[in-house]
Amino acid sequence: MNKLLSCRHNMDTNRVEARFSDASAIAIDCIVIEDEYGNTPAQRAELDWLLYNKPLEYAQLVLSGKIAHYLSLGCEHGRPKDQV
C-alpha cells in the first residue's frame, strides 16, 4: 500500500474517503467499523470522535489493523468531560 495522503469523512455516505500517493482511493464504511469494533458506548464515542476530528488517523488505524488495540487502550476523547 502506498502512502496515505488525505482523508475526508463523507457525511452523505458515512464513509471515510482516503487517497494514496499512487492516485488510488478507497472508501471505509464507518458503520461496518462501528459494528465490528464499537462494543461499548465508550468505544463508539471514541470512533465518532476520531471520525469527525481526525479522519486521517481513523483511516490509518483501520487500514493498519490497529483499531482494536487503540480502542483497548481506553481512550477518552469521545467522553464528555464530566465522565472522565
PDB file of N, CA and C in Angstrom:
ATOM      1  N   MET A   1       0.846  -1.171   0.000  1.00  0.00           N
ATOM      2  CA  MET A   1       0.000   0.000   0.000  1.00  0.00           C
ATOM      3  C   MET A   1       0.898   1.242   0.000  1.00  0.00           C
ATOM      4  N   ASN A   2       0.500   2.224  -0.756  1.00  0.00           N
ATOM      5  CA  ASN A   2       1.248   3.466  -0.860  1.00  0.00           C
ATOM      6  C   ASN A   2       0.915   4.407   0.292  1.00  0.00           C
ATOM      7  N   LYS A   3       1.619   5.502   0.335  1.00  0.00           N
ATOM      8  CA  LYS A   3       1.439   6.497   1.393  1.00  0.00           C
ATOM      9  C   LYS A   3       0.039   7.102   1.337  1.00  0.00           C
ATOM     10  N   LEU A   4      -0.605   7.157   2.476  1.00  0.00           N
ATOM     11  CA  LEU A   4      -1.919   7.760   2.616  1.00  0.00           C
ATOM     12  C   LEU A   4      -1.759   9.271   2.642  1.00  0.00           C
ATOM     13  N   LEU A   5      -2.352   9.947   1.674  1.00  0.00           N
ATOM     14  CA  LEU A   5      -2.169  11.394   1.549  1.00  0.00           C
ATOM     15  C   LEU A   5      -3.262  12.208   2.220  1.00  0.00           C
ATOM     16  N   SER A   6      -4.504  11.805   2.019  1.00  0.00           N
ATOM     17  CA  SER A   6      -5.594  12.609   2.563  1.00  0.00           C
ATOM     18  C   SER A   6      -6.817  11.748   2.831  1.00  0.00           C
ATOM     19  N   CYS A   7      -7.643  12.254   3.726  1.00  0.00           N
ATOM     20  CA  CYS A   7      -8.906  11.597   4.064  1.00  0.00           C
ATOM     21  C   CYS A   7      -9.949  12.656   4.332  1.00  0.00           C
ATOM     22  N   ARG A   8     -11.179  12.287   4.089  1.00  0.00           N
ATOM     23  CA  ARG A   8     -12.282  13.146   4.491  1.00  0.00           C
ATOM     24  C   ARG A   8     -13.484  12.269   4.782  1.00  0.00           C
ATOM     25  N   HIS A   9     -14.282  12.708   5.724  1.00  0.00           N
ATOM     26  CA  HIS A   9     -15.500  11.979   6.059  1.00  0.00           C
ATOM     27  C   HIS A   9     -16.624  12.502   5.186  1.00  0.00           C
ATOM     28  N   ASN A  10     -17.231  11.616   4.419  1.00  0.00           N
ATOM     29  CA  ASN A  10     -18.381  11.966   3.595  1.00  0.00           C
ATOM     30  C   ASN A  10     -19.628  11.671   4.417  1.00  0.00           C
ATOM     31  N   MET A  11     -20.269  12.702   4.916  1.00  0.00           N
ATOM     32  CA  MET A  11     -21.427  12.530   5.795  1.00  0.00           C
ATOM     33  C   MET A  11     -22.632  11.940   5.067  1.00  0.00           C
ATOM     34  N   ASP A  12     -22.700  12.139   3.753  1.00  0.00           N
ATOM     35  CA  ASP A  12     -23.824  11.594   2.989  1.00  0.00           C
ATOM     36  C   ASP A  12     -23.782  10.074   2.914  1.00  0.00           C
ATOM     37  N   THR A  13     -22.588   9.513   2.815  1.00  0.00           N
ATOM     38  CA  THR A  13     -22.443   8.057   2.704  1.00  0.00           C
ATOM     39  C   THR A  13     -21.932   7.415   3.983  1.00  0.00           C
ATOM     40  N   ASN A  14     -21.530   8.222   4.964  1.00  0.00           N
ATOM     41  CA  ASN A  14     -20.918   7.774   6.220  1.00  0.00           C
ATOM     42  C   ASN A  14     -19.703   6.890   5.934  1.00  0.00           C
ATOM     43  N   ARG A  15     -18.851   7.416   5.062  1.00  0.00           N
ATOM     44  CA  ARG A  15     -17.608   6.731   4.714  1.00  0.00           C
ATOM     45  C   ARG A  15     -16.441   7.704   4.816  1.00  0.00           C
ATOM     46  N   VAL A  16     -15.282   7.167   5.142  1.00  0.00           N
ATOM     47  CA  VAL A  16     -14.048   7.939   5.077  1.00  0.00           C
ATOM     48  C   VAL A  16     -13.428   7.629   3.719  1.00  0.00           C
ATOM     49  N   GLU A  17     -13.239   8.673   2.937  1.00  0.00           N
ATOM     50  CA  GLU A  17     -12.656   8.522   1.607  1.00  0.00           C
ATOM     51  C   GLU A  17     -11.172   8.848   1.709  1.00  0.00           C
ATOM     52  N   ALA A  18     -10.333   7.876   1.377  1.00  0.00           N
ATOM     53  CA  ALA A  18      -8.885   8.021   1.510  1.00  0.00           C
ATOM     54  C   ALA A  18      -8.227   8.004   0.138  1.00  0.00           C
ATOM     55  N   ARG A  19      -7.236   8.867  -0.041  1.00  0.00           N
ATOM     56  CA  ARG A  19      -6.462   8.938  -1.284  1.00  0.00           C
ATOM     57  C   ARG A  19      -4.992   8.647  -0.980  1.00  0.00           C
ATOM     58  N   PHE A  20      -4.364   7.902  -1.892  1.00  0.00           N
ATOM     59  CA  PHE A  20      -2.983   7.471  -1.725  1.00  0.00           C
ATOM     60  C   PHE A  20      -2.073   8.132  -2.744  1.00  0.00           C
ATOM     61  N   SER A  21      -0.774   8.033  -2.495  1.00  0.00           N
ATOM     62  CA  SER A  21       0.215   8.696  -3.348  1.00  0.00           C
ATOM     63  C   SER A  21       0.235   8.159  -4.774  1.00  0.00           C
ATOM     64  N   ASP A  22      -0.238   6.937  -5.005  1.00  0.00           N
ATOM     65  CA  ASP A  22      -0.269   6.385  -6.362  1.00  0.00           C
ATOM     66  C   ASP A  22      -1.566   6.718  -7.096  1.00  0.00           C
ATOM     67  N   ALA A  23      -2.344   7.651  -6.556  1.00  0.00           N
ATOM     68  CA  ALA A  23      -3.618   8.121  -7.111  1.00  0.00           C
ATOM     69  C   ALA A  23      -4.765   7.138  -6.906  1.00  0.00           C
ATOM     70  N   SER A  24      -4.550   6.056  -6.171  1.00  0.00           N
ATOM     71  CA  SER A  24      -5.654   5.155  -5.858  1.00  0.00           C
ATOM     72  C   SER A  24      -6.457   5.734  -4.691  1.00  0.00           C
ATOM     73  N   ALA A  25      -7.652   5.213  -4.519  1.00  0.00           N
ATOM     74  CA  ALA A  25      -8.535   5.691  -3.449  1.00  0.00           C
ATOM     75  C   ALA A  25      -9.379   4.527  -2.933  1.00  0.00           C
ATOM     76  N   ILE A  26      -9.783   4.641  -1.677  1.00  0.00           N
ATOM     77  CA  ILE A  26     -10.706   3.678  -1.081  1.00  0.00           C
ATOM     78  C   ILE A  26     -11.721   4.436  -0.243  1.00  0.00           C
ATOM     79  N   ALA A  27     -12.806   3.752   0.092  1.00  0.00           N
ATOM     80  CA  ALA A  27     -13.816   4.311   0.993  1.00  0.00           C
ATOM     81  C   ALA A  27     -14.027   3.307   2.127  1.00  0.00           C
ATOM     82  N   ILE A  28     -13.873   3.762   3.348  1.00  0.00           N
ATOM     83  CA  ILE A  28     -14.057   2.921   4.532  1.00  0.00           C
ATOM     84  C   ILE A  28     -15.471   3.139   5.045  1.00  0.00           C
ATOM     85  N   ASP A  29     -16.247   2.076   5.113  1.00  0.00           N
ATOM     86  CA  ASP A  29     -17.624   2.147   5.599  1.00  0.00           C
ATOM     87  C   ASP A  29     -17.608   2.226   7.123  1.00  0.00           C
ATOM     88  N   CYS A  30     -17.943   3.384   7.657  1.00  0.00           N
ATOM     89  CA  CYS A  30     -17.848   3.631   9.100  1.00  0.00           C
ATOM     90  C   CYS A  30     -18.861   2.821   9.902  1.00  0.00           C
ATOM     91  N   ILE A  31     -19.978   2.487   9.316  1.00  0.00           N
ATOM     92  CA  ILE A  31     -20.975   1.672  10.019  1.00  0.00           C
ATOM     93  C   ILE A  31     -20.425   0.274  10.267  1.00  0.00           C
ATOM     94  N   VAL A  32     -19.738  -0.284   9.284  1.00  0.00           N
ATOM     95  CA  VAL A  32     -19.135  -1.607   9.433  1.00  0.00           C
ATOM     96  C   VAL A  32     -18.067  -1.587  10.524  1.00  0.00           C
ATOM     97  N   ILE A  33     -17.247  -0.550  10.536  1.00  0.00           N
ATOM     98  CA  ILE A  33     -16.194  -0.435  11.559  1.00  0.00           C
ATOM     99  C   ILE A  33     -16.819  -0.307  12.939  1.00  0.00           C
ATOM    100  N   GLU A  34     -17.846   0.515  13.059  1.00  0.00           N
ATOM    101  CA  GLU A  34     -18.504   0.691  14.355  1.00  0.00           C
ATOM    102  C   GLU A  34     -19.156  -0.604  14.821  1.00  0.00           C
ATOM    103  N   ASP A  35     -19.793  -1.332  13.905  1.00  0.00           N
ATOM    104  CA  ASP A  35     -20.419  -2.603  14.273  1.00  0.00           C
ATOM    105  C   ASP A  35     -19.386  -3.645  14.714  1.00  0.00           C
ATOM    106  N   GLU A  36     -18.215  -3.622  14.080  1.00  0.00           N
ATOM    107  CA  GLU A  36     -17.165  -4.596  14.393  1.00  0.00           C
ATOM    108  C   GLU A  36     -16.404  -4.264  15.673  1.00  0.00           C
ATOM    109  N   TYR A  37     -16.099  -2.987  15.877  1.00  0.00           N
ATOM    110  CA  TYR A  37     -15.191  -2.605  16.964  1.00  0.00           C
ATOM    111  C   TYR A  37     -15.834  -1.782  18.073  1.00  0.00           C
ATOM    112  N   GLY A  38     -17.010  -1.227  17.847  1.00  0.00           N
ATOM    113  CA  GLY A  38     -17.652  -0.396  18.857  1.00  0.00           C
ATOM    114  C   GLY A  38     -18.525  -1.209  19.776  1.00  0.00           C
ATOM    115  N   ASN A  39     -17.892  -1.997  20.642  1.00  0.00           N
ATOM    116  CA  ASN A  39     -18.641  -2.911  21.504  1.00  0.00           C
ATOM    117  C   ASN A  39     -19.244  -2.244  22.731  1.00  0.00           C
ATOM    118  N   THR A  40     -18.732  -1.083  23.099  1.00  0.00           N
ATOM    119  CA  THR A  40     -19.243  -0.364  24.263  1.00  0.00           C
ATOM    120  C   THR A  40     -19.573   1.065  23.850  1.00  0.00           C
ATOM    121  N   PRO A  41     -20.395   1.755  24.641  1.00  0.00           N
ATOM    122  CA  PRO A  41     -20.674   3.162  24.331  1.00  0.00           C
ATOM    123  C   PRO A  41     -19.403   4.014  24.284  1.00  0.00           C
ATOM    124  N   ALA A  42     -18.426   3.721  25.146  1.00  0.00           N
ATOM    125  CA  ALA A  42     -17.178   4.492  25.147  1.00  0.00           C
ATOM    126  C   ALA A  42     -16.394   4.258  23.857  1.00  0.00           C
ATOM    127  N   GLN A  43     -16.365   3.033  23.379  1.00  0.00           N
ATOM    128  CA  GLN A  43     -15.662   2.735  22.130  1.00  0.00           C
ATOM    129  C   GLN A  43     -16.353   3.402  20.943  1.00  0.00           C
ATOM    130  N   ARG A  44     -17.668   3.386  20.935  1.00  0.00           N
ATOM    131  CA  ARG A  44     -18.403   4.056  19.850  1.00  0.00           C
ATOM    132  C   ARG A  44     -18.167   5.568  19.885  1.00  0.00           C
ATOM    133  N   ALA A  45     -18.134   6.128  21.077  1.00  0.00           N
ATOM    134  CA  ALA A  45     -17.867   7.560  21.205  1.00  0.00           C
ATOM    135  C   ALA A  45     -16.465   7.887  20.704  1.00  0.00           C
ATOM    136  N   GLU A  46     -15.510   7.027  21.013  1.00  0.00           N
ATOM    137  CA  GLU A  46     -14.134   7.251  20.561  1.00  0.00           C
ATOM    138  C   GLU A  46     -14.042   7.141  19.042  1.00  0.00           C
ATOM    139  N   LEU A  47     -14.719   6.172  18.459  1.00  0.00           N
ATOM    140  CA  LEU A  47     -14.733   6.046  16.999  1.00  0.00           C
ATOM    141  C   LEU A  47     -15.340   7.290  16.362  1.00  0.00           C
ATOM    142  N   ASP A  48     -16.431   7.786  16.926  1.00  0.00           N
ATOM    143  CA  ASP A  48     -17.052   9.008  16.405  1.00  0.00           C
ATOM    144  C   ASP A  48     -16.119  10.207  16.533  1.00  0.00           C
ATOM    145  N   TRP A  49     -15.442  10.315  17.679  1.00  0.00           N
ATOM    146  CA  TRP A  49     -14.517  11.436  17.873  1.00  0.00           C
ATOM    147  C   TRP A  49     -13.419  11.407  16.820  1.00  0.00           C
ATOM    148  N   LEU A  50     -12.832  10.236  16.606  1.00  0.00           N
ATOM    149  CA  LEU A  50     -11.792  10.109  15.585  1.00  0.00           C
ATOM    150  C   LEU A  50     -12.332  10.462  14.205  1.00  0.00           C
ATOM    151  N   LEU A  51     -13.493   9.941  13.896  1.00  0.00           N
ATOM    152  CA  LEU A  51     -14.093  10.149  12.587  1.00  0.00           C
ATOM    153  C   LEU A  51     -14.277  11.628  12.278  1.00  0.00           C
ATOM    154  N   TYR A  52     -14.799  12.382  13.230  1.00  0.00           N
ATOM    155  CA  TYR A  52     -15.101  13.795  12.999  1.00  0.00           C
ATOM    156  C   TYR A  52     -13.905  14.718  13.207  1.00  0.00           C
ATOM    157  N   ASN A  53     -12.972  14.333  14.063  1.00  0.00           N
ATOM    158  CA  ASN A  53     -11.853  15.210  14.397  1.00  0.00           C
ATOM    159  C   ASN A  53     -10.534  14.833  13.727  1.00  0.00           C
ATOM    160  N   LYS A  54     -10.336  13.553  13.467  1.00  0.00           N
ATOM    161  CA  LYS A  54      -9.067  13.092  12.903  1.00  0.00           C
ATOM    162  C   LYS A  54      -9.309  11.957  11.903  1.00  0.00           C
ATOM    163  N   PRO A  55      -9.952  12.258  10.775  1.00  0.00           N
ATOM    164  CA  PRO A  55     -10.264  11.188   9.809  1.00  0.00           C
ATOM    165  C   PRO A  55      -9.021  10.503   9.240  1.00  0.00           C
ATOM    166  N   LEU A  56      -7.908  11.219   9.115  1.00  0.00           N
ATOM    167  CA  LEU A  56      -6.680  10.595   8.620  1.00  0.00           C
ATOM    168  C   LEU A  56      -6.186   9.525   9.587  1.00  0.00           C
ATOM    169  N   GLU A  57      -6.160   9.845  10.877  1.00  0.00           N
ATOM    170  CA  GLU A  57      -5.741   8.879  11.885  1.00  0.00           C
ATOM    171  C   GLU A  57      -6.728   7.707  11.957  1.00  0.00           C
ATOM    172  N   TYR A  58      -8.012   7.994  11.815  1.00  0.00           N
ATOM    173  CA  TYR A  58      -9.039   6.950  11.779  1.00  0.00           C
ATOM    174  C   TYR A  58      -8.709   5.964  10.674  1.00  0.00           C
ATOM    175  N   ALA A  59      -8.467   6.468   9.472  1.00  0.00           N
ATOM    176  CA  ALA A  59      -8.159   5.610   8.329  1.00  0.00           C
ATOM    177  C   ALA A  59      -6.869   4.829   8.552  1.00  0.00           C
ATOM    178  N   GLN A  60      -5.849   5.480   9.095  1.00  0.00           N
ATOM    179  CA  GLN A  60      -4.579   4.798   9.347  1.00  0.00           C
ATOM    180  C   GLN A  60      -4.753   3.642  10.328  1.00  0.00           C
ATOM    181  N   LEU A  61      -5.526   3.854  11.383  1.00  0.00           N
ATOM    182  CA  LEU A  61      -5.765   2.796  12.362  1.00  0.00           C
ATOM    183  C   LEU A  61      -6.543   1.635  11.754  1.00  0.00           C
ATOM    184  N   VAL A  62      -7.551   1.940  10.970  1.00  0.00           N
ATOM    185  CA  VAL A  62      -8.358   0.891  10.339  1.00  0.00           C
ATOM    186  C   VAL A  62      -7.514   0.104   9.339  1.00  0.00           C
ATOM    187  N   LEU A  63      -6.807   0.809   8.463  1.00  0.00           N
ATOM    188  CA  LEU A  63      -6.040   0.148   7.409  1.00  0.00           C
ATOM    189  C   LEU A  63      -4.849  -0.642   7.945  1.00  0.00           C
ATOM    190  N   SER A  64      -4.290  -0.209   9.060  1.00  0.00           N
ATOM    191  CA  SER A  64      -3.148  -0.923   9.640  1.00  0.00           C
ATOM    192  C   SER A  64      -3.588  -2.096  10.513  1.00  0.00           C
ATOM    193  N   GLY A  65      -4.883  -2.185  10.795  1.00  0.00           N
ATOM    194  CA  GLY A  65      -5.379  -3.247  11.662  1.00  0.00           C
ATOM    195  C   GLY A  65      -5.157  -2.978  13.134  1.00  0.00           C
ATOM    196  N   LYS A  66      -4.870  -1.731  13.481  1.00  0.00           N
ATOM    197  CA  LYS A  66      -4.573  -1.376  14.873  1.00  0.00           C
ATOM    198  C   LYS A  66      -5.743  -0.728  15.606  1.00  0.00           C
ATOM    199  N   ILE A  67      -6.913  -0.702  14.998  1.00  0.00           N
ATOM    200  CA  ILE A  67      -8.060  -0.027  15.613  1.00  0.00           C
ATOM    201  C   ILE A  67      -8.489  -0.729  16.904  1.00  0.00           C
ATOM    202  N   ALA A  68      -8.471  -2.049  16.926  1.00  0.00           N
ATOM    203  CA  ALA A  68      -8.873  -2.775  18.137  1.00  0.00           C
ATOM    204  C   ALA A  68      -7.903  -2.489  19.283  1.00  0.00           C
ATOM    205  N   HIS A  69      -6.616  -2.468  18.987  1.00  0.00           N
ATOM    206  CA  HIS A  69      -5.628  -2.160  20.022  1.00  0.00           C
ATOM    207  C   HIS A  69      -5.818  -0.734  20.529  1.00  0.00           C
ATOM    208  N   TYR A  70      -6.011   0.198  19.620  1.00  0.00           N
ATOM    209  CA  TYR A  70      -6.235   1.600  20.009  1.00  0.00           C
ATOM    210  C   TYR A  70      -7.433   1.710  20.954  1.00  0.00           C
ATOM    211  N   LEU A  71      -8.532   1.063  20.608  1.00  0.00           N
ATOM    212  CA  LEU A  71      -9.729   1.137  21.450  1.00  0.00           C
ATOM    213  C   LEU A  71      -9.526   0.428  22.784  1.00  0.00           C
ATOM    214  N   SER A  72      -8.678  -0.595  22.808  1.00  0.00           N
ATOM    215  CA  SER A  72      -8.430  -1.316  24.058  1.00  0.00           C
ATOM    216  C   SER A  72      -7.649  -0.474  25.065  1.00  0.00           C
ATOM    217  N   LEU A  73      -7.024   0.596  24.595  1.00  0.00           N
ATOM    218  CA  LEU A  73      -6.257   1.464  25.490  1.00  0.00           C
ATOM    219  C   LEU A  73      -7.155   2.356  26.346  1.00  0.00           C
ATOM    220  N   GLY A  74      -8.459   2.359  26.059  1.00  0.00           N
ATOM    221  CA  GLY A  74      -9.390   3.138  26.863  1.00  0.00           C
ATOM    222  C   GLY A  74      -9.311   4.626  26.605  1.00  0.00           C
ATOM    223  N   CYS A  75      -9.126   5.017  25.383  1.00  0.00           N
ATOM    224  CA  CYS A  75      -9.028   6.433  25.030  1.00  0.00           C
ATOM    225  C   CYS A  75     -10.293   7.161  25.455  1.00  0.00           C
ATOM    226  N   GLU A  76     -10.142   8.423  25.807  1.00  0.00           N
ATOM    227  CA  GLU A  76     -11.248   9.166  26.379  1.00  0.00           C
ATOM    228  C   GLU A  76     -11.628  10.402  25.578  1.00  0.00           C
ATOM    229  N   HIS A  77     -11.245  10.482  24.332  1.00  0.00           N
ATOM    230  CA  HIS A  77     -11.576  11.656  23.540  1.00  0.00           C
ATOM    231  C   HIS A  77     -13.075  11.856  23.375  1.00  0.00           C
ATOM    232  N   GLY A  78     -13.817  10.766  23.209  1.00  0.00           N
ATOM    233  CA  GLY A  78     -15.233  10.866  22.928  1.00  0.00           C
ATOM    234  C   GLY A  78     -16.113  11.030  24.146  1.00  0.00           C
ATOM    235  N   ARG A  79     -15.549  10.932  25.336  1.00  0.00           N
ATOM    236  CA  ARG A  79     -16.351  11.039  26.552  1.00  0.00           C
ATOM    237  C   ARG A  79     -16.582  12.483  26.942  1.00  0.00           C
ATOM    238  N   PRO A  80     -17.770  12.785  27.450  1.00  0.00           N
ATOM    239  CA  PRO A  80     -17.994  14.131  27.998  1.00  0.00           C
ATOM    240  C   PRO A  80     -17.038  14.373  29.165  1.00  0.00           C
ATOM    241  N   LYS A  81     -16.651  15.621  29.360  1.00  0.00           N
ATOM    242  CA  LYS A  81     -15.657  15.970  30.377  1.00  0.00           C
ATOM    243  C   LYS A  81     -16.054  15.527  31.785  1.00  0.00           C
ATOM    244  N   ASP A  82     -17.344  15.544  32.099  1.00  0.00           N
ATOM    245  CA  ASP A  82     -17.768  15.184  33.459  1.00  0.00           C
ATOM    246  C   ASP A  82     -17.711  13.678  33.713  1.00  0.00           C
ATOM    247  N   GLN A  83     -17.491  12.859  32.681  1.00  0.00           N
ATOM    248  CA  GLN A  83     -17.409  11.416  32.858  1.00  0.00           C
ATOM    249  C   GLN A  83     -15.986  10.897  32.831  1.00  0.00           C
ATOM    250  N   VAL A  84     -15.014  11.774  32.608  1.00  0.00           N
ATOM    251  CA  VAL A  84     -13.620  11.345  32.518  1.00  0.00           C
ATOM    252  C   VAL A  84     -13.041  11.140  33.891  1.00  0.00           C
TER     253      VAL A  84
END
